[in-house]
Amino acid sequence: MPTLETLHKEIDEIKGNVEKILFILEDEGELTEEARKDLEEARKTPREEYISHEDVKKALMK
């Protein structure tokens, strides 16, 4: 089970990625090559490695 610190770090990274994608979409209306690479890499992550919403809530409530 990931620690709260690990979860926080991962959430911050996700927030940064989303902000980057939103900025690019608003600015250009299209994803840059770098954003496409990041998205492609994220899509390769097996679903088994994802942390369920319920597990995150449980970890945060401890």
N, C-alpha and C. Protein backbone atom coordinates (compact mmCIF):
# COMPACT_ATOMS: atom_id res chain seq x y z
N MET A 1 0.87 -1.18 0.00
CA MET A 1 0.00 0.00 0.00
C MET A 1 0.91 1.23 0.00
N PRO A 2 0.65 2.16 -0.89
CA PRO A 2 1.49 3.36 -0.95
C PRO A 2 1.26 4.24 0.28
N THR A 3 2.30 4.98 0.62
CA THR A 3 2.19 5.87 1.77
C THR A 3 1.49 7.17 1.35
N LEU A 4 1.07 7.92 2.33
CA LEU A 4 0.41 9.19 2.07
C LEU A 4 1.36 10.14 1.33
N GLU A 5 2.62 10.10 1.69
CA GLU A 5 3.62 10.94 1.03
C GLU A 5 3.76 10.56 -0.45
N THR A 6 3.77 9.28 -0.74
CA THR A 6 3.85 8.80 -2.11
C THR A 6 2.62 9.22 -2.90
N LEU A 7 1.46 9.06 -2.30
CA LEU A 7 0.21 9.47 -2.95
C LEU A 7 0.22 10.96 -3.26
N HIS A 8 0.67 11.75 -2.30
CA HIS A 8 0.73 13.20 -2.49
C HIS A 8 1.64 13.55 -3.66
N LYS A 9 2.78 12.91 -3.71
CA LYS A 9 3.74 13.16 -4.80
C LYS A 9 3.13 12.80 -6.15
N GLU A 10 2.47 11.65 -6.21
CA GLU A 10 1.86 11.20 -7.46
C GLU A 10 0.70 12.12 -7.88
N ILE A 11 -0.08 12.57 -6.92
CA ILE A 11 -1.19 13.49 -7.23
C ILE A 11 -0.65 14.81 -7.75
N ASP A 12 0.43 15.32 -7.13
CA ASP A 12 1.04 16.55 -7.62
C ASP A 12 1.55 16.39 -9.05
N GLU A 13 2.12 15.25 -9.34
CA GLU A 13 2.62 14.98 -10.69
C GLU A 13 1.45 14.94 -11.69
N ILE A 14 0.38 14.30 -11.31
CA ILE A 14 -0.81 14.22 -12.17
C ILE A 14 -1.38 15.62 -12.40
N LYS A 15 -1.47 16.41 -11.33
CA LYS A 15 -1.99 17.77 -11.47
C LYS A 15 -1.12 18.58 -12.43
N GLY A 16 0.18 18.43 -12.33
CA GLY A 16 1.08 19.13 -13.24
C GLY A 16 0.87 18.72 -14.68
N ASN A 17 0.69 17.42 -14.89
CA ASN A 17 0.45 16.93 -16.25
C ASN A 17 -0.86 17.45 -16.82
N VAL A 18 -1.90 17.46 -16.00
CA VAL A 18 -3.20 17.96 -16.45
C VAL A 18 -3.11 19.45 -16.78
N GLU A 19 -2.44 20.22 -15.93
CA GLU A 19 -2.28 21.65 -16.19
C GLU A 19 -1.53 21.88 -17.49
N LYS A 20 -0.52 21.09 -17.72
CA LYS A 20 0.27 21.20 -18.96
C LYS A 20 -0.60 20.92 -20.18
N ILE A 21 -1.37 19.86 -20.12
CA ILE A 21 -2.25 19.49 -21.23
C ILE A 21 -3.30 20.57 -21.46
N LEU A 22 -3.90 21.06 -20.39
CA LEU A 22 -4.91 22.11 -20.52
C LEU A 22 -4.33 23.38 -21.13
N PHE A 23 -3.15 23.75 -20.69
CA PHE A 23 -2.50 24.94 -21.24
C PHE A 23 -2.26 24.78 -22.74
N ILE A 24 -1.76 23.63 -23.11
CA ILE A 24 -1.47 23.38 -24.53
C ILE A 24 -2.76 23.39 -25.34
N LEU A 25 -3.79 22.75 -24.84
CA LEU A 25 -5.06 22.72 -25.56
C LEU A 25 -5.67 24.11 -25.69
N GLU A 26 -5.61 24.90 -24.64
CA GLU A 26 -6.17 26.24 -24.69
C GLU A 26 -5.36 27.14 -25.61
N ASP A 27 -4.05 26.97 -25.59
CA ASP A 27 -3.16 27.82 -26.36
C ASP A 27 -3.18 27.47 -27.85
N GLU A 28 -3.10 26.20 -28.15
CA GLU A 28 -2.94 25.77 -29.54
C GLU A 28 -4.14 25.00 -30.08
N GLY A 29 -4.95 24.46 -29.20
CA GLY A 29 -6.05 23.64 -29.65
C GLY A 29 -5.62 22.24 -30.05
N GLU A 30 -4.34 21.95 -29.91
CA GLU A 30 -3.80 20.65 -30.28
C GLU A 30 -2.70 20.27 -29.29
N LEU A 31 -2.50 18.99 -29.10
CA LEU A 31 -1.43 18.53 -28.22
C LEU A 31 -0.09 18.63 -28.94
N THR A 32 0.94 19.03 -28.19
CA THR A 32 2.29 19.04 -28.75
C THR A 32 2.80 17.61 -28.81
N GLU A 33 3.91 17.43 -29.47
CA GLU A 33 4.52 16.10 -29.55
C GLU A 33 4.90 15.59 -28.16
N GLU A 34 5.41 16.49 -27.32
CA GLU A 34 5.79 16.10 -25.96
C GLU A 34 4.57 15.63 -25.17
N ALA A 35 3.48 16.36 -25.30
CA ALA A 35 2.25 15.97 -24.59
C ALA A 35 1.72 14.65 -25.12
N ARG A 36 1.80 14.45 -26.42
CA ARG A 36 1.36 13.18 -27.00
C ARG A 36 2.19 12.03 -26.47
N LYS A 37 3.52 12.24 -26.36
CA LYS A 37 4.40 11.21 -25.82
C LYS A 37 4.02 10.89 -24.38
N ASP A 38 3.78 11.95 -23.57
CA ASP A 38 3.40 11.74 -22.17
C ASP A 38 2.09 10.97 -22.07
N LEU A 39 1.13 11.33 -22.92
CA LEU A 39 -0.17 10.66 -22.92
C LEU A 39 -0.03 9.20 -23.34
N GLU A 40 0.77 8.96 -24.36
CA GLU A 40 0.99 7.59 -24.83
C GLU A 40 1.64 6.75 -23.73
N GLU A 41 2.61 7.34 -23.03
CA GLU A 41 3.27 6.62 -21.94
C GLU A 41 2.29 6.31 -20.81
N ALA A 42 1.43 7.29 -20.48
CA ALA A 42 0.44 7.08 -19.43
C ALA A 42 -0.53 5.98 -19.80
N ARG A 43 -0.89 5.92 -21.06
CA ARG A 43 -1.84 4.89 -21.51
C ARG A 43 -1.25 3.50 -21.47
N LYS A 44 0.07 3.39 -21.44
CA LYS A 44 0.72 2.08 -21.38
C LYS A 44 0.71 1.50 -19.97
N THR A 45 0.39 2.33 -19.00
CA THR A 45 0.35 1.87 -17.61
C THR A 45 -0.78 0.87 -17.45
N PRO A 46 -0.46 -0.34 -17.02
CA PRO A 46 -1.52 -1.35 -16.84
C PRO A 46 -2.51 -0.91 -15.77
N ARG A 47 -3.76 -1.22 -15.99
CA ARG A 47 -4.81 -0.84 -15.03
C ARG A 47 -4.56 -1.45 -13.65
N GLU A 48 -3.86 -2.56 -13.60
CA GLU A 48 -3.57 -3.20 -12.32
C GLU A 48 -2.67 -2.32 -11.45
N GLU A 49 -1.93 -1.41 -12.07
CA GLU A 49 -1.04 -0.52 -11.31
C GLU A 49 -1.78 0.70 -10.78
N TYR A 50 -2.99 0.93 -11.25
CA TYR A 50 -3.78 2.06 -10.78
C TYR A 50 -4.20 1.81 -9.34
N ILE A 51 -4.40 2.88 -8.62
CA ILE A 51 -4.88 2.80 -7.25
C ILE A 51 -6.35 3.20 -7.27
N SER A 52 -7.20 2.38 -6.69
CA SER A 52 -8.63 2.68 -6.72
C SER A 52 -8.95 3.92 -5.90
N HIS A 53 -10.02 4.56 -6.26
CA HIS A 53 -10.48 5.74 -5.54
C HIS A 53 -10.75 5.40 -4.08
N GLU A 54 -11.34 4.26 -3.85
CA GLU A 54 -11.63 3.83 -2.48
C GLU A 54 -10.35 3.66 -1.67
N ASP A 55 -9.32 3.06 -2.28
CA ASP A 55 -8.04 2.88 -1.56
C ASP A 55 -7.40 4.22 -1.23
N VAL A 56 -7.49 5.17 -2.14
CA VAL A 56 -6.95 6.50 -1.89
C VAL A 56 -7.70 7.15 -0.75
N LYS A 57 -9.01 7.06 -0.77
CA LYS A 57 -9.81 7.65 0.33
C LYS A 57 -9.43 7.01 1.66
N LYS A 58 -9.30 5.69 1.69
CA LYS A 58 -8.94 5.00 2.93
C LYS A 58 -7.58 5.47 3.44
N ALA A 59 -6.62 5.61 2.51
CA ALA A 59 -5.27 6.03 2.90
C ALA A 59 -5.28 7.46 3.43
N LEU A 60 -6.09 8.31 2.85
CA LEU A 60 -6.15 9.70 3.28
C LEU A 60 -6.86 9.86 4.62
N MET A 61 -7.75 8.94 4.93
CA MET A 61 -8.53 9.04 6.16
C MET A 61 -7.78 8.46 7.36
N LYS A 62 -6.68 7.81 7.15
CA LYS A 62 -5.93 7.22 8.28
C LYS A 62 -5.25 8.28 9.07
